[in-house]
Amino acid sequence: MLQLDAVQALALAGLALFLGYALCRVIPVLGRFNLPPPVVGGLVFAVAAWIVHDNGRVLFDMDTSLQTPLMIAFFTAIGFNASLRLLKISGGQVLLFLLLATLFAVVQNLLGMAVALGFDLPPLFGVLAGSTTLTGGPATGLAFAPLFEQAGIRGAESIAVASAMGGIVLGGLIGGPVITLMVRRHGLVSTRPQDHVAPADEASGMLMTEAQREFSALKSIVAILVAMWIGAWVSQWISATGVTLPAYVGAMLVGALIRNLDDASGWIRLSVPTIELIGNICLALFLALALMNLKLWELAGLATPLLVNLGLQALVVVAFCAVVFRLMGRDYDAAVMGGGFIGFMLGTTANAMAVMRALVERYGAAPRAFLVAPLVGAFFIDFSNALIITFFINAFA
């Protein structure tokens, strides 16, 4: 058995991460469904540990003390992305899309709870297999897993990953075909049919020198650390009121506050792309480290309720897509937004972007959709979903 301290465990997680990237390149189906490389690589180690466990042995014993700081750093970076100025860019469209996504996250939990009760499982099983892992994806599922464990859901981390992975695959499978049928049925056309690719993000501002880039990265790292520091106090204060919430919420709120103060004053001049890059690196290492340590054997007996839940969730999100289409304008952009909605309500924003790109490559550009859906799916829904999950845990624990 390998005995790994915190640094050695993180190093092994890094190797698992690159293994995931390699597998996604070598096995095309993994990339086609946008399975996150850290999830793929981490699961390889988890499966190996499962095989060894069935033979009565332990593959490795890891110190995972760096897992929580990496997770909090990622969600803090998400907080820095939550700009109220961005929320106002497209008028009421972003807010309406966010309200629809928030409403559907509640629906996911209610449906999940109904499935759980049908299989004589605790109601919180349905919340874990609902918006926690479908809207939230594997990162949110793993972040909230300790709270579900405390509430009596054994094997919460394994359940979270299984549900999130199933959602990602389903979102990638059904998003494109559903919206293609909608486009054909309503005879929708792009207002810019000559464009066959989604608009690319372009870096703004002048090129920086090496010293300026170094200073920008240092400033971003310190901003994240300060937000995590103050956020820990905020989380402790909230927890003292008796409300159960994950460790990252305080830091995420402080990150959002700092970002919006900086937007208004320009004092810090944060580099949001740099913060996002740091957050994504922390996320990749967090996921790889968390998944390597999964106890997949704890999923025994839960495959059927998870599959039933995923099937019903897919049917409901497809039906709700009609509501999204009508309320977002009943035009081509609204249909493409529906594809993004399926993508991130059943998996991740990467899923949503892949579905939307496939649609615009075939039918033409949808600039409004590519503004609204990523803003909601990548940033704002994480805030409202965290509140929803926290409410359900406190109400049904």
Protein backbone atom coordinates (compact mmCIF):
# COMPACT_ATOMS: atom_id res chain seq x y z
CA MET A 1 0.00 0.00 0.00
CA LEU A 2 1.24 3.47 -0.91
CA GLN A 3 1.34 5.96 1.97
CA LEU A 4 1.13 9.46 0.45
CA ASP A 5 1.49 12.75 2.30
CA ALA A 6 -0.33 15.88 1.12
CA VAL A 7 2.30 16.93 -1.45
CA GLN A 8 2.75 13.40 -2.80
CA ALA A 9 -1.04 13.01 -3.10
CA LEU A 10 -1.25 16.29 -5.04
CA ALA A 11 1.57 15.16 -7.31
CA LEU A 12 -0.24 11.89 -8.02
CA ALA A 13 -3.41 13.90 -8.71
CA GLY A 14 -1.42 15.90 -11.26
CA LEU A 15 -0.37 12.68 -12.98
CA ALA A 16 -3.98 11.47 -12.93
CA LEU A 17 -5.03 14.78 -14.50
CA PHE A 18 -2.61 14.37 -17.42
CA LEU A 19 -3.68 10.75 -17.79
CA GLY A 20 -7.23 12.07 -18.22
CA TYR A 21 -6.13 14.51 -20.92
CA ALA A 22 -4.32 11.71 -22.74
CA LEU A 23 -7.34 9.40 -22.58
CA CYS A 24 -9.66 12.15 -23.86
CA ARG A 25 -7.37 12.57 -26.88
CA VAL A 26 -6.93 8.85 -27.53
CA ILE A 27 -10.60 7.88 -27.00
CA PRO A 28 -12.71 10.30 -29.14
CA VAL A 29 -16.01 9.47 -27.42
CA LEU A 30 -14.71 10.96 -24.17
CA GLY A 31 -14.05 14.29 -25.84
CA ARG A 32 -17.30 14.15 -27.81
CA PHE A 33 -19.31 14.10 -24.57
CA ASN A 34 -17.04 16.72 -22.93
CA LEU A 35 -16.08 14.48 -20.03
CA PRO A 36 -13.69 16.52 -17.86
CA PRO A 37 -10.11 15.14 -18.08
CA PRO A 38 -9.56 15.32 -14.28
CA VAL A 39 -12.72 13.25 -13.80
CA VAL A 40 -11.58 10.67 -16.36
CA GLY A 41 -8.07 10.39 -14.92
CA GLY A 42 -9.26 10.34 -11.32
CA LEU A 43 -11.81 7.63 -12.07
CA VAL A 44 -9.10 5.38 -13.54
CA PHE A 45 -7.35 5.43 -10.15
CA ALA A 46 -10.68 5.00 -8.33
CA VAL A 47 -11.53 1.93 -10.44
CA ALA A 48 -8.06 0.49 -9.78
CA ALA A 49 -8.61 1.03 -6.05
CA TRP A 50 -12.00 -0.70 -6.35
CA ILE A 51 -10.45 -3.76 -8.03
CA VAL A 52 -7.76 -3.98 -5.35
CA HIS A 53 -10.41 -3.50 -2.62
CA ASP A 54 -12.39 -6.46 -3.96
CA ASN A 55 -9.27 -8.55 -3.47
CA GLY A 56 -9.12 -7.51 0.18
CA ARG A 57 -6.30 -4.99 -0.16
CA VAL A 58 -5.81 -1.20 -0.17
CA LEU A 59 -4.06 0.45 -3.14
CA PHE A 60 -3.07 3.72 -1.44
CA ASP A 61 -3.73 5.83 1.63
CA MET A 62 -3.64 9.55 0.81
CA ASP A 63 -3.48 12.72 2.84
CA THR A 64 -6.19 14.79 1.16
CA SER A 65 -5.80 17.90 3.33
CA LEU A 66 -5.12 20.05 0.24
CA GLN A 67 -8.43 19.02 -1.32
CA THR A 68 -10.56 21.54 0.58
CA PRO A 69 -8.29 24.58 -0.04
CA LEU A 70 -8.22 23.77 -3.77
CA MET A 71 -12.01 23.49 -3.83
CA ILE A 72 -12.48 26.76 -1.97
CA ALA A 73 -10.00 28.52 -4.28
CA PHE A 74 -11.99 27.41 -7.34
CA PHE A 75 -15.32 28.63 -5.98
CA THR A 76 -13.67 31.87 -4.85
CA ALA A 77 -12.59 32.41 -8.46
CA ILE A 78 -16.21 31.80 -9.49
CA GLY A 79 -17.17 34.54 -7.05
CA PHE A 80 -14.77 36.96 -8.74
CA ASN A 81 -16.53 36.23 -12.03
CA ALA A 82 -19.96 37.24 -10.68
CA SER A 83 -20.06 40.82 -11.89
CA LEU A 84 -23.31 42.75 -11.62
CA ARG A 85 -22.14 44.83 -14.57
CA LEU A 86 -22.03 41.67 -16.70
CA LEU A 87 -25.51 40.77 -15.45
CA LYS A 88 -26.82 44.01 -16.93
CA ILE A 89 -25.12 43.66 -20.32
CA SER A 90 -28.06 42.03 -22.05
CA GLY A 91 -30.80 43.76 -20.11
CA GLY A 92 -33.44 41.44 -18.72
CA GLN A 93 -32.38 38.44 -20.83
CA VAL A 94 -29.60 37.33 -18.48
CA LEU A 95 -31.79 37.82 -15.42
CA LEU A 96 -34.72 35.96 -16.99
CA PHE A 97 -32.50 33.06 -18.06
CA LEU A 98 -31.04 32.93 -14.55
CA LEU A 99 -34.53 32.86 -13.02
CA LEU A 100 -35.54 29.99 -15.33
CA ALA A 101 -32.39 28.04 -14.45
CA THR A 102 -32.94 28.67 -10.73
CA LEU A 103 -36.56 27.54 -10.96
CA PHE A 104 -35.54 24.40 -12.80
CA ALA A 105 -32.88 23.62 -10.18
CA VAL A 106 -35.70 23.52 -7.62
CA VAL A 107 -37.69 21.24 -9.95
CA GLN A 108 -34.67 18.92 -10.23
CA ASN A 109 -34.53 18.55 -6.46
CA LEU A 110 -38.26 17.93 -6.10
CA LEU A 111 -38.17 15.30 -8.83
CA GLY A 112 -35.07 13.69 -7.30
CA MET A 113 -36.75 13.54 -3.91
CA ALA A 114 -39.81 11.88 -5.44
CA VAL A 115 -37.59 9.23 -7.04
CA ALA A 116 -35.74 8.73 -3.73
CA LEU A 117 -38.98 8.21 -1.84
CA GLY A 118 -40.12 5.77 -4.52
CA PHE A 119 -37.05 3.64 -3.81
CA ASP A 120 -37.41 4.07 -0.03
CA LEU A 121 -34.30 6.25 0.14
CA PRO A 122 -33.80 9.44 2.18
CA PRO A 123 -35.17 12.59 0.46
CA LEU A 124 -31.71 14.17 0.49
CA PHE A 125 -30.53 11.40 -1.84
CA GLY A 126 -32.74 13.07 -4.44
CA VAL A 127 -31.25 16.49 -3.73
CA LEU A 128 -27.73 15.08 -4.11
CA ALA A 129 -28.77 13.45 -7.41
CA GLY A 130 -30.70 16.60 -8.37
CA SER A 131 -29.39 20.13 -8.76
CA THR A 132 -26.35 19.41 -6.58
CA THR A 133 -24.76 17.23 -9.26
CA LEU A 134 -26.77 18.01 -12.40
CA THR A 135 -26.87 21.81 -12.32
CA GLY A 136 -23.75 21.93 -10.15
CA GLY A 137 -21.67 19.28 -11.89
CA PRO A 138 -19.00 17.15 -10.22
CA ALA A 139 -17.31 20.10 -8.46
CA THR A 140 -20.44 21.22 -6.60
CA GLY A 141 -21.40 17.62 -5.88
CA LEU A 142 -18.06 16.89 -4.27
CA ALA A 143 -18.07 20.21 -2.41
CA PHE A 144 -21.44 19.47 -0.81
CA ALA A 145 -20.76 15.74 -0.28
CA PRO A 146 -19.50 16.14 3.32
CA LEU A 147 -22.75 17.88 4.28
CA PHE A 148 -24.80 15.05 2.76
CA GLU A 149 -22.62 12.53 4.60
CA GLN A 150 -23.36 14.37 7.85
CA ALA A 151 -27.07 14.22 6.97
CA GLY A 152 -26.91 10.42 6.66
CA ILE A 153 -26.24 9.84 2.92
CA ARG A 154 -23.51 7.21 2.90
CA GLY A 155 -21.14 7.22 -0.07
CA ALA A 156 -22.17 10.78 -0.99
CA GLU A 157 -18.98 11.45 -2.97
CA SER A 158 -19.42 8.33 -5.11
CA ILE A 159 -23.11 9.10 -5.66
CA ALA A 160 -22.24 12.66 -6.63
CA VAL A 161 -19.71 11.59 -9.25
CA ALA A 162 -21.97 8.88 -10.71
CA SER A 163 -24.88 11.30 -11.02
CA ALA A 164 -22.74 14.11 -12.45
CA MET A 165 -21.08 11.85 -15.03
CA GLY A 166 -24.43 10.46 -16.11
CA GLY A 167 -25.78 13.97 -16.49
CA ILE A 168 -22.82 15.10 -18.58
CA VAL A 169 -23.25 12.17 -20.97
CA LEU A 170 -27.01 12.70 -21.23
CA GLY A 171 -26.63 16.44 -21.80
CA GLY A 172 -24.15 15.84 -24.59
CA LEU A 173 -26.38 13.21 -26.17
CA ILE A 174 -29.74 14.96 -26.19
CA GLY A 175 -28.96 18.68 -26.39
CA GLY A 176 -28.15 18.87 -30.10
CA PRO A 177 -30.92 16.57 -31.42
CA VAL A 178 -33.64 18.24 -29.31
CA ILE A 179 -32.78 21.76 -30.47
CA THR A 180 -32.30 20.59 -34.07
CA LEU A 181 -35.90 19.34 -34.03
CA MET A 182 -37.03 22.65 -32.54
CA VAL A 183 -35.20 24.67 -35.20
CA ARG A 184 -36.71 22.60 -38.01
CA ARG A 185 -40.21 22.53 -36.52
CA HIS A 186 -40.40 26.31 -36.14
CA GLY A 187 -38.45 27.13 -39.30
CA LEU A 188 -35.92 29.19 -37.34
CA VAL A 189 -33.01 30.91 -39.07
CA SER A 190 -30.00 32.83 -37.85
CA THR A 191 -29.94 36.59 -38.34
CA ARG A 192 -26.28 36.15 -39.31
CA PRO A 193 -26.26 32.93 -41.38
CA GLN A 194 -22.93 33.76 -42.97
CA ASP A 195 -21.18 33.10 -39.66
CA HIS A 196 -20.58 29.43 -39.03
CA VAL A 197 -18.66 29.58 -35.80
CA ALA A 198 -19.40 30.94 -32.39
CA PRO A 199 -17.85 34.32 -31.62
CA ALA A 200 -14.47 33.85 -29.98
CA ASP A 201 -13.45 35.62 -26.84
CA GLU A 202 -10.78 38.22 -27.49
CA ALA A 203 -8.42 39.58 -24.90
CA SER A 204 -8.92 43.27 -24.38
CA GLY A 205 -6.32 45.87 -23.65
CA MET A 206 -2.68 46.25 -24.60
CA LEU A 207 -0.07 43.53 -24.49
CA MET A 208 1.65 43.30 -21.11
CA THR A 209 5.35 42.97 -20.42
CA GLU A 210 6.69 39.95 -18.54
CA ALA A 211 6.90 42.00 -15.34
CA GLN A 212 3.29 43.20 -15.76
CA ARG A 213 2.05 39.65 -16.31
CA GLU A 214 3.92 38.48 -13.22
CA PHE A 215 2.45 41.33 -11.15
CA SER A 216 -1.06 40.61 -12.48
CA ALA A 217 -0.75 36.91 -11.57
CA LEU A 218 0.59 37.78 -8.11
CA LYS A 219 -2.24 40.25 -7.55
CA SER A 220 -4.80 37.63 -8.61
CA ILE A 221 -3.37 34.97 -6.29
CA VAL A 222 -3.30 37.38 -3.33
CA ALA A 223 -6.87 38.52 -4.08
CA ILE A 224 -8.07 34.89 -4.03
CA LEU A 225 -6.19 34.17 -0.79
CA VAL A 226 -7.55 37.29 0.91
CA ALA A 227 -11.08 36.40 -0.18
CA MET A 228 -10.58 32.87 1.21
CA TRP A 229 -9.26 34.33 4.48
CA ILE A 230 -12.13 36.77 5.01
CA GLY A 231 -14.59 34.23 3.58
CA ALA A 232 -13.67 31.73 6.30
CA TRP A 233 -14.83 34.27 8.89
CA VAL A 234 -18.03 34.88 6.93
CA SER A 235 -18.73 31.14 6.75
CA GLN A 236 -18.11 30.75 10.48
CA TRP A 237 -20.48 33.63 11.22
CA ILE A 238 -23.21 32.11 9.02
CA SER A 239 -22.68 28.64 10.52
CA ALA A 240 -23.03 30.14 14.02
CA THR A 241 -26.64 31.01 13.11
CA GLY A 242 -27.36 27.29 12.71
CA VAL A 243 -27.43 27.26 8.90
CA THR A 244 -25.59 24.35 7.29
CA LEU A 245 -23.57 25.37 4.24
CA PRO A 246 -20.40 24.26 2.42
CA ALA A 247 -17.04 25.76 3.29
CA TYR A 248 -16.70 27.73 0.06
CA VAL A 249 -19.79 29.95 0.30
CA GLY A 250 -18.23 32.67 2.43
CA ALA A 251 -15.17 32.96 0.18
CA MET A 252 -17.34 33.00 -2.94
CA LEU A 253 -19.45 35.83 -1.54
CA VAL A 254 -16.37 37.83 -0.55
CA GLY A 255 -14.88 37.27 -4.01
CA ALA A 256 -18.04 38.61 -5.62
CA LEU A 257 -18.02 41.63 -3.30
CA ILE A 258 -14.38 42.45 -4.09
CA ARG A 259 -15.03 42.06 -7.84
CA ASN A 260 -18.00 44.42 -7.84
CA LEU A 261 -16.21 46.99 -5.65
CA ASP A 262 -13.33 46.86 -8.11
CA ASP A 263 -15.71 47.25 -11.06
CA ALA A 264 -17.16 50.37 -9.44
CA SER A 265 -13.92 51.93 -8.21
CA GLY A 266 -11.11 50.54 -10.38
CA TRP A 267 -8.79 50.50 -7.34
CA ILE A 268 -7.41 46.98 -7.72
CA ARG A 269 -7.84 46.47 -11.47
CA LEU A 270 -8.14 42.73 -11.18
CA SER A 271 -7.38 40.54 -14.18
CA VAL A 272 -10.48 38.36 -14.35
CA PRO A 273 -9.00 36.04 -17.04
CA THR A 274 -5.99 35.41 -14.76
CA ILE A 275 -8.25 34.68 -11.79
CA GLU A 276 -10.32 32.35 -13.95
CA LEU A 277 -7.15 30.54 -15.08
CA ILE A 278 -6.00 30.06 -11.48
CA GLY A 279 -9.48 28.84 -10.51
CA ASN A 280 -9.57 26.33 -13.37
CA ILE A 281 -6.17 24.91 -12.36
CA CYS A 282 -7.36 24.54 -8.76
CA LEU A 283 -10.56 22.87 -10.00
CA ALA A 284 -8.66 20.35 -12.14
CA LEU A 285 -6.37 19.33 -9.26
CA PHE A 286 -9.27 19.26 -6.78
CA LEU A 287 -11.35 16.98 -8.99
CA ALA A 288 -8.45 14.63 -9.72
CA LEU A 289 -7.53 14.41 -6.02
CA ALA A 290 -11.14 13.89 -4.90
CA LEU A 291 -11.97 11.26 -7.51
CA MET A 292 -8.82 9.24 -6.92
CA ASN A 293 -9.99 8.74 -3.33
CA LEU A 294 -13.55 7.67 -4.23
CA LYS A 295 -14.92 4.47 -2.74
CA LEU A 296 -16.88 3.23 -5.74
CA TRP A 297 -17.88 0.03 -3.95
CA GLU A 298 -20.25 2.17 -1.88
CA LEU A 299 -22.48 2.56 -4.97
CA ALA A 300 -23.64 -1.04 -4.78
CA GLY A 301 -27.43 -1.18 -4.88
CA LEU A 302 -27.90 2.45 -5.98
CA ALA A 303 -27.49 2.04 -9.73
CA THR A 304 -31.22 1.60 -10.41
CA PRO A 305 -32.46 4.72 -8.57
CA LEU A 306 -29.66 6.78 -10.14
CA LEU A 307 -30.56 5.60 -13.65
CA VAL A 308 -34.30 6.17 -13.11
CA ASN A 309 -33.58 9.64 -11.78
CA LEU A 310 -31.34 10.53 -14.72
CA GLY A 311 -33.91 9.32 -17.23
CA LEU A 312 -36.72 11.34 -15.66
CA GLN A 313 -34.51 14.40 -15.26
CA ALA A 314 -33.65 14.25 -18.96
CA LEU A 315 -37.32 14.07 -19.95
CA VAL A 316 -38.23 17.01 -17.73
CA VAL A 317 -35.40 19.24 -18.94
CA VAL A 318 -36.40 18.57 -22.56
CA ALA A 319 -40.00 19.53 -21.75
CA PHE A 320 -38.86 22.65 -19.89
CA CYS A 321 -36.83 23.66 -22.94
CA ALA A 322 -40.12 24.65 -24.59
CA VAL A 323 -40.70 27.12 -21.75
CA VAL A 324 -37.19 28.52 -22.17
CA PHE A 325 -37.75 28.91 -25.91
CA ARG A 326 -41.03 30.80 -25.49
CA LEU A 327 -39.90 33.12 -22.71
CA MET A 328 -36.51 33.92 -24.26
CA GLY A 329 -38.05 35.21 -27.49
CA ARG A 330 -39.26 32.29 -29.67
CA ASP A 331 -36.45 32.94 -32.18
CA TYR A 332 -33.30 31.17 -33.33
CA ASP A 333 -31.18 32.59 -30.50
CA ALA A 334 -33.77 31.44 -27.98
CA ALA A 335 -33.59 27.91 -29.42
CA VAL A 336 -29.78 27.86 -29.18
CA MET A 337 -30.11 29.08 -25.58
CA GLY A 338 -32.32 26.05 -25.01
CA GLY A 339 -29.44 23.84 -26.12
CA GLY A 340 -27.16 25.59 -23.66
CA PHE A 341 -29.82 25.19 -20.98
CA ILE A 342 -29.91 21.42 -21.49
CA GLY A 343 -26.11 21.32 -21.46
CA PHE A 344 -25.49 23.03 -18.14
CA MET A 345 -28.64 21.84 -16.34
CA LEU A 346 -27.54 18.25 -16.99
CA GLY A 347 -23.80 18.68 -16.71
CA THR A 348 -21.40 21.54 -17.13
CA THR A 349 -20.98 24.81 -19.00
CA ALA A 350 -18.51 23.00 -21.27
CA ASN A 351 -21.37 20.70 -22.25
CA ALA A 352 -23.56 23.72 -22.96
CA MET A 353 -20.92 25.40 -25.11
CA ALA A 354 -20.29 22.21 -27.09
CA VAL A 355 -24.01 21.80 -27.84
CA MET A 356 -24.35 25.45 -28.85
CA ARG A 357 -21.25 25.39 -31.05
CA ALA A 358 -22.50 22.32 -32.89
CA LEU A 359 -25.79 24.14 -33.58
CA VAL A 360 -24.25 27.39 -34.84
CA GLU A 361 -21.78 25.57 -37.04
CA ARG A 362 -24.77 24.08 -38.83
CA TYR A 363 -27.38 26.83 -38.73
CA GLY A 364 -25.45 30.09 -38.27
CA ALA A 365 -24.36 32.41 -35.47
CA ALA A 366 -26.44 33.11 -32.36
CA PRO A 367 -24.63 36.03 -30.67
CA ARG A 368 -27.29 36.70 -28.02
CA ALA A 369 -27.27 33.04 -26.97
CA PHE A 370 -23.48 33.06 -26.63
CA LEU A 371 -23.70 36.07 -24.35
CA VAL A 372 -26.56 34.95 -22.10
CA ALA A 373 -26.04 31.19 -21.64
CA PRO A 374 -22.34 31.24 -20.63
CA LEU A 375 -22.88 34.11 -18.16
CA VAL A 376 -25.63 32.20 -16.39
CA GLY A 377 -24.19 28.69 -16.74
CA ALA A 378 -20.61 29.54 -15.78
CA PHE A 379 -21.16 32.11 -13.04
CA PHE A 380 -24.55 33.15 -11.71
CA ILE A 381 -26.29 29.79 -11.43
CA ASP A 382 -23.59 28.62 -8.97
CA PHE A 383 -24.75 31.27 -6.51
CA SER A 384 -28.46 30.55 -6.71
CA ASN A 385 -27.89 26.78 -6.79
CA ALA A 386 -25.76 26.94 -3.63
CA LEU A 387 -28.62 28.72 -1.87
CA ILE A 388 -31.13 26.14 -3.12
CA ILE A 389 -29.03 23.16 -2.02
CA THR A 390 -28.36 24.77 1.36
CA PHE A 391 -32.10 25.32 1.87
CA PHE A 392 -32.96 21.71 1.06
CA ILE A 393 -30.21 20.32 3.31
CA ASN A 394 -31.33 22.45 6.23
CA ALA A 395 -35.00 21.66 5.60
CA PHE A 396 -34.69 17.88 5.25
CA ALA A 397 -31.57 16.88 7.20
